[in-house]
């Protein structure tokens, strides 16, 4: 059976932000409005991982979709284990940390902006690192790079080999961060720099529910040697702003957006005079 509706943010992960009626609040960037929708009806495109040949004909074989599903299954088990376990009993193995690291990289490159970004990096030999997130118009103007990604990574073991290459360095430390009010987006993996007094700091953050984030921090800004860390209110606001900054199509929340979030969303997408602040942008 051929899968037509292909999610670039898996439903098995999105569902953890949904309410009891399976719906969540979103800001729809293209429509420029807030909506309350079923989690299965966002973060997907029909046939998004299928190849279009030189004659403009779509070659629907689900090869790349099935490769991605393999990794989705692994990360979904880890996330469900964390969310279904009492906080003081949560544990995670080294193998599960590897699964998380691999999937965060995969999630980063499987979205539209991620596919455009990694193909651009390959074309430039990774010599021109970006200083700010990819914007929606860049995606619209470089759809051929999305197709190039699909063609390359459905072939042989190209995807598997790429994921094996990007191993977690020993300098990156894993935490499960606890907080209240995390939001997410169609680009749910956030990569940010350290504060100005720690310019070499780097962290990767992945909200998995309104109350939990998975994060990797390098030596310069590693906050703790503990597995579980309590995130401060300031850090939660920072993470949510970073989430809004990296979104292209949807910003996603279990609860209605508060006035501060609505104001930031307005500035991010509708205020032409607004500039994204450091460290969200490194201009």
C-alpha atoms as a PDB file:
ATOM      1  CA  UNK A   1       0.000   0.000   0.000  1.00  0.00           C
ATOM      2  CA  UNK A   2       1.393   3.377  -1.052  1.00  0.00           C
ATOM      3  CA  UNK A   3       1.478   6.139   1.572  1.00  0.00           C
ATOM      4  CA  UNK A   4       0.279   9.452   0.139  1.00  0.00           C
ATOM      5  CA  UNK A   5       0.081  11.604   3.279  1.00  0.00           C
ATOM      6  CA  UNK A   6       3.705  11.783   4.404  1.00  0.00           C
ATOM      7  CA  UNK A   7       4.537  13.550   7.675  1.00  0.00           C
ATOM      8  CA  UNK A   8       7.883  15.295   8.087  1.00  0.00           C
ATOM      9  CA  UNK A   9       7.125  15.554  11.842  1.00  0.00           C
ATOM     10  CA  UNK A  10       5.931  12.043  12.764  1.00  0.00           C
ATOM     11  CA  UNK A  11       2.434  11.640  14.197  1.00  0.00           C
ATOM     12  CA  UNK A  12       3.817   9.301  16.864  1.00  0.00           C
ATOM     13  CA  UNK A  13       5.750  12.287  18.260  1.00  0.00           C
ATOM     14  CA  UNK A  14       3.286  15.094  17.516  1.00  0.00           C
ATOM     15  CA  UNK A  15       0.529  13.340  19.454  1.00  0.00           C
ATOM     16  CA  UNK A  16       2.297  14.088  22.749  1.00  0.00           C
ATOM     17  CA  UNK A  17       1.365  17.774  22.329  1.00  0.00           C
ATOM     18  CA  UNK A  18      -2.306  17.045  21.605  1.00  0.00           C
ATOM     19  CA  UNK A  19      -5.175  17.445  24.041  1.00  0.00           C
ATOM     20  CA  UNK A  20      -7.642  14.680  24.920  1.00  0.00           C
ATOM     21  CA  UNK A  21      -9.604  15.368  21.723  1.00  0.00           C
ATOM     22  CA  UNK A  22      -6.399  14.805  19.690  1.00  0.00           C
ATOM     23  CA  UNK A  23      -6.277  18.471  18.723  1.00  0.00           C
ATOM     24  CA  UNK A  24      -3.690  21.168  19.372  1.00  0.00           C
ATOM     25  CA  UNK A  25      -3.269  24.884  18.841  1.00  0.00           C
ATOM     26  CA  UNK A  26      -1.200  26.079  15.897  1.00  0.00           C
ATOM     27  CA  UNK A  27      -0.149  29.308  14.317  1.00  0.00           C
ATOM     28  CA  UNK A  28      -0.372  28.631  10.586  1.00  0.00           C
ATOM     29  CA  UNK A  29       2.250  30.855   8.998  1.00  0.00           C
ATOM     30  CA  UNK A  30       1.023  30.592   5.398  1.00  0.00           C
ATOM     31  CA  UNK A  31      -2.571  31.330   6.432  1.00  0.00           C
ATOM     32  CA  UNK A  32      -1.373  33.862   9.056  1.00  0.00           C
ATOM     33  CA  UNK A  33      -3.872  32.720  11.667  1.00  0.00           C
ATOM     34  CA  UNK A  34      -4.268  30.611  14.770  1.00  0.00           C
ATOM     35  CA  UNK A  35      -6.145  27.313  14.438  1.00  0.00           C
ATOM     36  CA  UNK A  36      -7.232  24.362  16.590  1.00  0.00           C
ATOM     37  CA  UNK A  37      -6.623  21.214  14.547  1.00  0.00           C
ATOM     38  CA  UNK A  38      -6.155  17.456  14.767  1.00  0.00           C
ATOM     39  CA  UNK A  39      -2.486  16.599  15.131  1.00  0.00           C
ATOM     40  CA  UNK A  40      -2.611  14.300  12.092  1.00  0.00           C
ATOM     41  CA  UNK A  41      -3.606  17.211   9.856  1.00  0.00           C
ATOM     42  CA  UNK A  42      -0.423  19.273  10.160  1.00  0.00           C
ATOM     43  CA  UNK A  43       3.271  18.855   9.305  1.00  0.00           C
ATOM     44  CA  UNK A  44       2.733  16.717   6.230  1.00  0.00           C
ATOM     45  CA  UNK A  45       2.732  17.005   2.462  1.00  0.00           C
ATOM     46  CA  UNK A  46       1.396  14.545  -0.048  1.00  0.00           C
ATOM     47  CA  UNK A  47       4.221  12.492  -1.566  1.00  0.00           C
ATOM     48  CA  UNK A  48       6.860  14.798  -0.061  1.00  0.00           C
ATOM     49  CA  UNK A  49       9.520  12.046  -0.012  1.00  0.00           C
ATOM     50  CA  UNK A  50       8.880  10.787  -3.531  1.00  0.00           C
ATOM     51  CA  UNK A  51      11.077  11.517  -6.536  1.00  0.00           C
ATOM     52  CA  UNK A  52      10.026  13.463  -9.640  1.00  0.00           C
ATOM     53  CA  UNK A  53      11.854  12.368 -12.792  1.00  0.00           C
ATOM     54  CA  UNK A  54      13.237  14.545 -15.575  1.00  0.00           C
ATOM     55  CA  UNK A  55       9.887  14.418 -17.383  1.00  0.00           C
ATOM     56  CA  UNK A  56       8.070  15.790 -14.368  1.00  0.00           C
ATOM     57  CA  UNK A  57       6.484  12.449 -13.483  1.00  0.00           C
ATOM     58  CA  UNK A  58       6.337  11.380  -9.862  1.00  0.00           C
ATOM     59  CA  UNK A  59       7.924   8.011  -9.059  1.00  0.00           C
ATOM     60  CA  UNK A  60       5.932   6.818  -6.058  1.00  0.00           C
ATOM     61  CA  UNK A  61       7.683   3.908  -4.376  1.00  0.00           C
ATOM     62  CA  UNK A  62       7.742   4.916  -0.663  1.00  0.00           C
ATOM     63  CA  UNK A  63      11.413   3.860  -0.434  1.00  0.00           C
ATOM     64  CA  UNK A  64      12.538   6.970   1.462  1.00  0.00           C
ATOM     65  CA  UNK A  65       9.314   7.091   3.479  1.00  0.00           C
ATOM     66  CA  UNK A  66       9.940   3.527   4.695  1.00  0.00           C
ATOM     67  CA  UNK A  67      13.561   4.293   5.572  1.00  0.00           C
ATOM     68  CA  UNK A  68      12.421   7.232   7.689  1.00  0.00           C
ATOM     69  CA  UNK A  69       9.715   5.127   9.341  1.00  0.00           C
ATOM     70  CA  UNK A  70      12.377   2.718  10.592  1.00  0.00           C
ATOM     71  CA  UNK A  71      14.034   5.481  12.631  1.00  0.00           C
ATOM     72  CA  UNK A  72      10.676   6.929  13.695  1.00  0.00           C
ATOM     73  CA  UNK A  73       9.819   3.605  15.306  1.00  0.00           C
ATOM     74  CA  UNK A  74      13.014   3.644  17.355  1.00  0.00           C
ATOM     75  CA  UNK A  75      12.714   7.195  18.647  1.00  0.00           C
ATOM     76  CA  UNK A  76       8.993   6.803  19.366  1.00  0.00           C
ATOM     77  CA  UNK A  77       9.714   3.922  21.737  1.00  0.00           C
ATOM     78  CA  UNK A  78      12.313   5.979  23.613  1.00  0.00           C
ATOM     79  CA  UNK A  79      10.041   9.031  23.881  1.00  0.00           C
ATOM     80  CA  UNK A  80       7.070   6.942  25.032  1.00  0.00           C
ATOM     81  CA  UNK A  81       9.240   5.247  27.647  1.00  0.00           C
ATOM     82  CA  UNK A  82      10.283   8.630  29.054  1.00  0.00           C
ATOM     83  CA  UNK A  83       6.780  10.088  29.085  1.00  0.00           C
ATOM     84  CA  UNK A  84       5.145   6.950  30.504  1.00  0.00           C
ATOM     85  CA  UNK A  85       7.585   6.563  33.394  1.00  0.00           C
ATOM     86  CA  UNK A  86       7.360   8.304  36.753  1.00  0.00           C
ATOM     87  CA  UNK A  87       9.926  11.102  36.873  1.00  0.00           C
ATOM     88  CA  UNK A  88      12.002   9.654  39.698  1.00  0.00           C
ATOM     89  CA  UNK A  89      12.216   6.313  37.890  1.00  0.00           C
ATOM     90  CA  UNK A  90      13.281   7.546  34.447  1.00  0.00           C
ATOM     91  CA  UNK A  91      16.471   5.965  33.118  1.00  0.00           C
ATOM     92  CA  UNK A  92      17.990   5.727  29.681  1.00  0.00           C
ATOM     93  CA  UNK A  93      20.690   3.485  28.255  1.00  0.00           C
ATOM     94  CA  UNK A  94      23.687   4.485  26.152  1.00  0.00           C
ATOM     95  CA  UNK A  95      22.046   2.763  23.188  1.00  0.00           C
ATOM     96  CA  UNK A  96      18.892   4.840  23.664  1.00  0.00           C
ATOM     97  CA  UNK A  97      20.974   8.022  23.820  1.00  0.00           C
ATOM     98  CA  UNK A  98      22.507   7.020  20.477  1.00  0.00           C
ATOM     99  CA  UNK A  99      19.003   6.551  19.072  1.00  0.00           C
ATOM    100  CA  UNK A 100      18.051  10.036  20.267  1.00  0.00           C
ATOM    101  CA  UNK A 101      21.196  11.619  18.799  1.00  0.00           C
ATOM    102  CA  UNK A 102      20.721   9.906  15.440  1.00  0.00           C
ATOM    103  CA  UNK A 103      17.066  10.809  15.246  1.00  0.00           C
ATOM    104  CA  UNK A 104      17.623  14.462  16.141  1.00  0.00           C
ATOM    105  CA  UNK A 105      20.002  14.774  13.229  1.00  0.00           C
ATOM    106  CA  UNK A 106      17.558  12.930  10.968  1.00  0.00           C
ATOM    107  CA  UNK A 107      14.638  15.100  12.063  1.00  0.00           C
ATOM    108  CA  UNK A 108      16.758  18.165  11.443  1.00  0.00           C
ATOM    109  CA  UNK A 109      17.389  17.221   7.805  1.00  0.00           C
ATOM    110  CA  UNK A 110      14.046  15.616   6.844  1.00  0.00           C
ATOM    111  CA  UNK A 111      11.917  18.780   6.883  1.00  0.00           C
ATOM    112  CA  UNK A 112      11.704  21.061   3.859  1.00  0.00           C
ATOM    113  CA  UNK A 113      14.146  23.575   5.328  1.00  0.00           C
ATOM    114  CA  UNK A 114      16.435  20.767   6.467  1.00  0.00           C
ATOM    115  CA  UNK A 115      16.562  19.203   3.021  1.00  0.00           C
ATOM    116  CA  UNK A 116      17.316  22.556   1.402  1.00  0.00           C
ATOM    117  CA  UNK A 117      19.978  23.306   4.007  1.00  0.00           C
ATOM    118  CA  UNK A 118      21.881  20.023   3.856  1.00  0.00           C
ATOM    119  CA  UNK A 119      21.932  19.887   0.058  1.00  0.00           C
ATOM    120  CA  UNK A 120      23.196  23.476   0.034  1.00  0.00           C
ATOM    121  CA  UNK A 121      25.883  22.501   2.549  1.00  0.00           C
ATOM    122  CA  UNK A 122      27.008  19.586   0.390  1.00  0.00           C
ATOM    123  CA  UNK A 123      27.131  21.835  -2.674  1.00  0.00           C
ATOM    124  CA  UNK A 124      29.261  24.347  -0.736  1.00  0.00           C
ATOM    125  CA  UNK A 125      31.413  21.664   0.944  1.00  0.00           C
ATOM    126  CA  UNK A 126      30.048  22.877   4.291  1.00  0.00           C
ATOM    127  CA  UNK A 127      32.155  26.033   3.861  1.00  0.00           C
ATOM    128  CA  UNK A 128      29.347  28.573   4.357  1.00  0.00           C
ATOM    129  CA  UNK A 129      27.589  27.923   7.671  1.00  0.00           C
ATOM    130  CA  UNK A 130      24.262  29.699   8.108  1.00  0.00           C
ATOM    131  CA  UNK A 131      23.879  32.427  10.675  1.00  0.00           C
ATOM    132  CA  UNK A 132      20.083  32.397  10.847  1.00  0.00           C
ATOM    133  CA  UNK A 133      17.180  30.006  10.104  1.00  0.00           C
ATOM    134  CA  UNK A 134      15.959  29.287   6.577  1.00  0.00           C
ATOM    135  CA  UNK A 135      12.921  31.338   5.607  1.00  0.00           C
ATOM    136  CA  UNK A 136       9.839  30.085   3.782  1.00  0.00           C
ATOM    137  CA  UNK A 137      10.644  31.962   0.579  1.00  0.00           C
ATOM    138  CA  UNK A 138      14.022  30.205   0.418  1.00  0.00           C
ATOM    139  CA  UNK A 139      12.242  26.857   0.493  1.00  0.00           C
ATOM    140  CA  UNK A 140       9.841  27.949  -2.240  1.00  0.00           C
ATOM    141  CA  UNK A 141      12.759  29.115  -4.398  1.00  0.00           C
ATOM    142  CA  UNK A 142      14.807  25.909  -3.959  1.00  0.00           C
ATOM    143  CA  UNK A 143      12.357  23.054  -4.353  1.00  0.00           C
ATOM    144  CA  UNK A 144      14.822  21.364  -6.682  1.00  0.00           C
ATOM    145  CA  UNK A 145      17.069  20.780  -3.665  1.00  0.00           C
ATOM    146  CA  UNK A 146      14.272  18.918  -1.900  1.00  0.00           C
ATOM    147  CA  UNK A 147      13.982  16.708  -4.961  1.00  0.00           C
ATOM    148  CA  UNK A 148      17.745  16.229  -5.022  1.00  0.00           C
ATOM    149  CA  UNK A 149      17.636  15.089  -1.386  1.00  0.00           C
ATOM    150  CA  UNK A 150      14.861  12.600  -2.167  1.00  0.00           C
ATOM    151  CA  UNK A 151      16.751  11.150  -5.118  1.00  0.00           C
ATOM    152  CA  UNK A 152      20.071  10.802  -3.280  1.00  0.00           C
ATOM    153  CA  UNK A 153      18.842   9.399   0.001  1.00  0.00           C
ATOM    154  CA  UNK A 154      16.392   6.834  -1.328  1.00  0.00           C
ATOM    155  CA  UNK A 155      19.280   5.135  -3.145  1.00  0.00           C
ATOM    156  CA  UNK A 156      21.319   2.266  -1.678  1.00  0.00           C
ATOM    157  CA  UNK A 157      22.384   2.964   1.929  1.00  0.00           C
ATOM    158  CA  UNK A 158      23.091   6.667   1.459  1.00  0.00           C
ATOM    159  CA  UNK A 159      20.816   7.751   4.291  1.00  0.00           C
ATOM    160  CA  UNK A 160      22.030   5.067   6.665  1.00  0.00           C
ATOM    161  CA  UNK A 161      25.667   5.845   5.898  1.00  0.00           C
ATOM    162  CA  UNK A 162      25.143   9.569   6.492  1.00  0.00           C
ATOM    163  CA  UNK A 163      23.542   8.940   9.877  1.00  0.00           C
ATOM    164  CA  UNK A 164      26.385   6.610  10.887  1.00  0.00           C
ATOM    165  CA  UNK A 165      28.910   9.290   9.944  1.00  0.00           C
ATOM    166  CA  UNK A 166      27.448  11.899  12.299  1.00  0.00           C
ATOM    167  CA  UNK A 167      28.235  10.199  15.592  1.00  0.00           C
ATOM    168  CA  UNK A 168      27.719  11.921  18.905  1.00  0.00           C
ATOM    169  CA  UNK A 169      30.987  13.513  20.052  1.00  0.00           C
ATOM    170  CA  UNK A 170      32.087  12.931  23.632  1.00  0.00           C
ATOM    171  CA  UNK A 171      31.817  16.680  24.230  1.00  0.00           C
ATOM    172  CA  UNK A 172      28.005  16.560  23.923  1.00  0.00           C
ATOM    173  CA  UNK A 173      26.150  15.714  27.135  1.00  0.00           C
ATOM    174  CA  UNK A 174      22.594  14.380  27.195  1.00  0.00           C
ATOM    175  CA  UNK A 175      19.820  15.607  29.496  1.00  0.00           C
ATOM    176  CA  UNK A 176      16.092  15.197  29.874  1.00  0.00           C
ATOM    177  CA  UNK A 177      14.902  18.690  30.759  1.00  0.00           C
ATOM    178  CA  UNK A 178      11.724  19.175  32.776  1.00  0.00           C
ATOM    179  CA  UNK A 179       9.589  22.297  32.523  1.00  0.00           C
ATOM    180  CA  UNK A 180       6.098  23.606  31.893  1.00  0.00           C
ATOM    181  CA  UNK A 181       4.770  25.070  28.658  1.00  0.00           C
ATOM    182  CA  UNK A 182       7.147  23.890  25.925  1.00  0.00           C
ATOM    183  CA  UNK A 183       5.886  24.485  22.401  1.00  0.00           C
ATOM    184  CA  UNK A 184       7.128  22.967  19.157  1.00  0.00           C
ATOM    185  CA  UNK A 185       7.041  23.607  15.406  1.00  0.00           C
ATOM    186  CA  UNK A 186       7.341  21.980  12.005  1.00  0.00           C
ATOM    187  CA  UNK A 187      11.107  22.222  12.594  1.00  0.00           C
ATOM    188  CA  UNK A 188      11.102  20.755  16.103  1.00  0.00           C
ATOM    189  CA  UNK A 189      14.869  20.387  16.591  1.00  0.00           C
ATOM    190  CA  UNK A 190      16.502  23.594  17.821  1.00  0.00           C
ATOM    191  CA  UNK A 191      20.236  24.275  17.531  1.00  0.00           C
ATOM    192  CA  UNK A 192      21.447  27.342  19.397  1.00  0.00           C
ATOM    193  CA  UNK A 193      24.654  29.020  20.449  1.00  0.00           C
ATOM    194  CA  UNK A 194      25.803  29.815  23.952  1.00  0.00           C
ATOM    195  CA  UNK A 195      25.431  33.199  25.674  1.00  0.00           C
ATOM    196  CA  UNK A 196      27.775  36.009  24.727  1.00  0.00           C
ATOM    197  CA  UNK A 197      30.164  35.143  27.555  1.00  0.00           C
ATOM    198  CA  UNK A 198      30.384  31.573  26.204  1.00  0.00           C
ATOM    199  CA  UNK A 199      30.527  32.043  22.407  1.00  0.00           C
ATOM    200  CA  UNK A 200      31.702  28.470  21.794  1.00  0.00           C
ATOM    201  CA  UNK A 201      28.710  27.046  23.603  1.00  0.00           C
ATOM    202  CA  UNK A 202      26.313  24.925  21.560  1.00  0.00           C
ATOM    203  CA  UNK A 203      23.185  22.954  22.336  1.00  0.00           C
ATOM    204  CA  UNK A 204      20.571  20.896  20.516  1.00  0.00           C
ATOM    205  CA  UNK A 205      17.077  20.844  22.001  1.00  0.00           C
ATOM    206  CA  UNK A 206      14.048  18.735  21.083  1.00  0.00           C
ATOM    207  CA  UNK A 207      10.757  19.377  22.925  1.00  0.00           C
ATOM    208  CA  UNK A 208       8.822  16.100  23.169  1.00  0.00           C
ATOM    209  CA  UNK A 209       5.811  17.279  25.207  1.00  0.00           C
ATOM    210  CA  UNK A 210       4.648  20.407  27.039  1.00  0.00           C
ATOM    211  CA  UNK A 211       6.709  19.243  30.031  1.00  0.00           C
ATOM    212  CA  UNK A 212       9.817  17.554  28.626  1.00  0.00           C
ATOM    213  CA  UNK A 213      12.705  18.354  26.288  1.00  0.00           C
ATOM    214  CA  UNK A 214      15.592  16.191  25.179  1.00  0.00           C
ATOM    215  CA  UNK A 215      18.821  18.161  24.947  1.00  0.00           C
ATOM    216  CA  UNK A 216      22.504  17.811  24.184  1.00  0.00           C
ATOM    217  CA  UNK A 217      24.911  20.473  25.468  1.00  0.00           C
ATOM    218  CA  UNK A 218      28.591  20.766  24.721  1.00  0.00           C
ATOM    219  CA  UNK A 219      31.276  21.111  27.400  1.00  0.00           C
ATOM    220  CA  UNK A 220      31.183  24.923  27.357  1.00  0.00           C
ATOM    221  CA  UNK A 221      27.579  25.219  28.506  1.00  0.00           C
ATOM    222  CA  UNK A 222      26.816  21.798  30.000  1.00  0.00           C
ATOM    223  CA  UNK A 223      24.555  22.602  32.942  1.00  0.00           C
ATOM    224  CA  UNK A 224      24.725  19.381  34.958  1.00  0.00           C
ATOM    225  CA  UNK A 225      26.062  15.855  35.183  1.00  0.00           C
ATOM    226  CA  UNK A 226      22.574  14.607  35.987  1.00  0.00           C
ATOM    227  CA  UNK A 227      20.275  12.914  33.498  1.00  0.00           C
ATOM    228  CA  UNK A 228      17.254  14.910  34.660  1.00  0.00           C
ATOM    229  CA  UNK A 229      17.500  18.701  34.888  1.00  0.00           C
ATOM    230  CA  UNK A 230      14.917  21.296  35.847  1.00  0.00           C
ATOM    231  CA  UNK A 231      14.696  24.023  33.229  1.00  0.00           C
ATOM    232  CA  UNK A 232      14.302  27.577  34.522  1.00  0.00           C
ATOM    233  CA  UNK A 233      11.435  29.810  33.408  1.00  0.00           C
ATOM    234  CA  UNK A 234      13.904  32.038  31.538  1.00  0.00           C
ATOM    235  CA  UNK A 235      15.316  29.034  29.687  1.00  0.00           C
ATOM    236  CA  UNK A 236      11.808  27.800  28.784  1.00  0.00           C
ATOM    237  CA  UNK A 237      10.994  31.212  27.308  1.00  0.00           C
ATOM    238  CA  UNK A 238      14.278  31.137  25.439  1.00  0.00           C
ATOM    239  CA  UNK A 239      13.548  27.660  24.021  1.00  0.00           C
ATOM    240  CA  UNK A 240      10.052  28.700  22.978  1.00  0.00           C
ATOM    241  CA  UNK A 241      11.398  31.792  21.210  1.00  0.00           C
ATOM    242  CA  UNK A 242      13.944  29.614  19.424  1.00  0.00           C
ATOM    243  CA  UNK A 243      11.104  27.301  18.408  1.00  0.00           C
ATOM    244  CA  UNK A 244       9.184  30.219  16.905  1.00  0.00           C
ATOM    245  CA  UNK A 245      12.312  31.435  15.114  1.00  0.00           C
ATOM    246  CA  UNK A 246      12.978  28.113  13.392  1.00  0.00           C
ATOM    247  CA  UNK A 247       9.378  27.484  12.291  1.00  0.00           C
ATOM    248  CA  UNK A 248       8.420  27.703   8.635  1.00  0.00           C
ATOM    249  CA  UNK A 249       4.837  26.478   8.470  1.00  0.00           C
ATOM    250  CA  UNK A 250       3.450  25.805  11.960  1.00  0.00           C
ATOM    251  CA  UNK A 251       4.052  26.759  15.571  1.00  0.00           C
ATOM    252  CA  UNK A 252       2.407  24.154  17.789  1.00  0.00           C
ATOM    253  CA  UNK A 253       1.142  24.279  21.364  1.00  0.00           C
ATOM    254  CA  UNK A 254      -1.034  22.204  23.650  1.00  0.00           C
ATOM    255  CA  UNK A 255      -2.522  25.417  25.055  1.00  0.00           C
ATOM    256  CA  UNK A 256      -3.628  28.679  23.493  1.00  0.00           C
ATOM    257  CA  UNK A 257      -0.729  31.023  22.807  1.00  0.00           C
ATOM    258  CA  UNK A 258      -0.364  33.650  25.520  1.00  0.00           C
ATOM    259  CA  UNK A 259       0.009  37.353  24.789  1.00  0.00           C
ATOM    260  CA  UNK A 260       3.815  37.224  24.976  1.00  0.00           C
ATOM    261  CA  UNK A 261       3.973  34.378  22.482  1.00  0.00           C
ATOM    262  CA  UNK A 262       1.457  36.070  20.179  1.00  0.00           C
ATOM    263  CA  UNK A 263       3.536  39.239  20.225  1.00  0.00           C
ATOM    264  CA  UNK A 264       6.737  37.346  19.432  1.00  0.00           C
ATOM    265  CA  UNK A 265       5.005  35.411  16.634  1.00  0.00           C
ATOM    266  CA  UNK A 266       3.766  38.688  15.148  1.00  0.00           C
ATOM    267  CA  UNK A 267       7.238  40.208  15.194  1.00  0.00           C
ATOM    268  CA  UNK A 268       8.852  37.067  13.801  1.00  0.00           C
ATOM    269  CA  UNK A 269       6.552  36.719  10.806  1.00  0.00           C
ATOM    270  CA  UNK A 270       4.818  40.057  10.220  1.00  0.00           C
ATOM    271  CA  UNK A 271       7.055  42.883  11.455  1.00  0.00           C
ATOM    272  CA  UNK A 272       9.438  43.713   8.610  1.00  0.00           C
ATOM    273  CA  UNK A 273      11.511  46.008  10.846  1.00  0.00           C
ATOM    274  CA  UNK A 274      12.137  43.334  13.476  1.00  0.00           C
ATOM    275  CA  UNK A 275      15.567  41.710  13.738  1.00  0.00           C
ATOM    276  CA  UNK A 276      16.084  38.306  15.300  1.00  0.00           C
ATOM    277  CA  UNK A 277      18.239  38.769  18.415  1.00  0.00           C
ATOM    278  CA  UNK A 278      21.431  36.938  19.376  1.00  0.00           C
ATOM    279  CA  UNK A 279      21.896  34.064  20.090  1.00  0.00           C
ATOM    280  CA  UNK A 280      18.916  32.974  17.974  1.00  0.00           C
ATOM    281  CA  UNK A 281      20.645  34.609  15.029  1.00  0.00           C
ATOM    282  CA  UNK A 282      24.417  34.963  14.825  1.00  0.00           C
ATOM    283  CA  UNK A 283      24.590  37.899  12.425  1.00  0.00           C
END
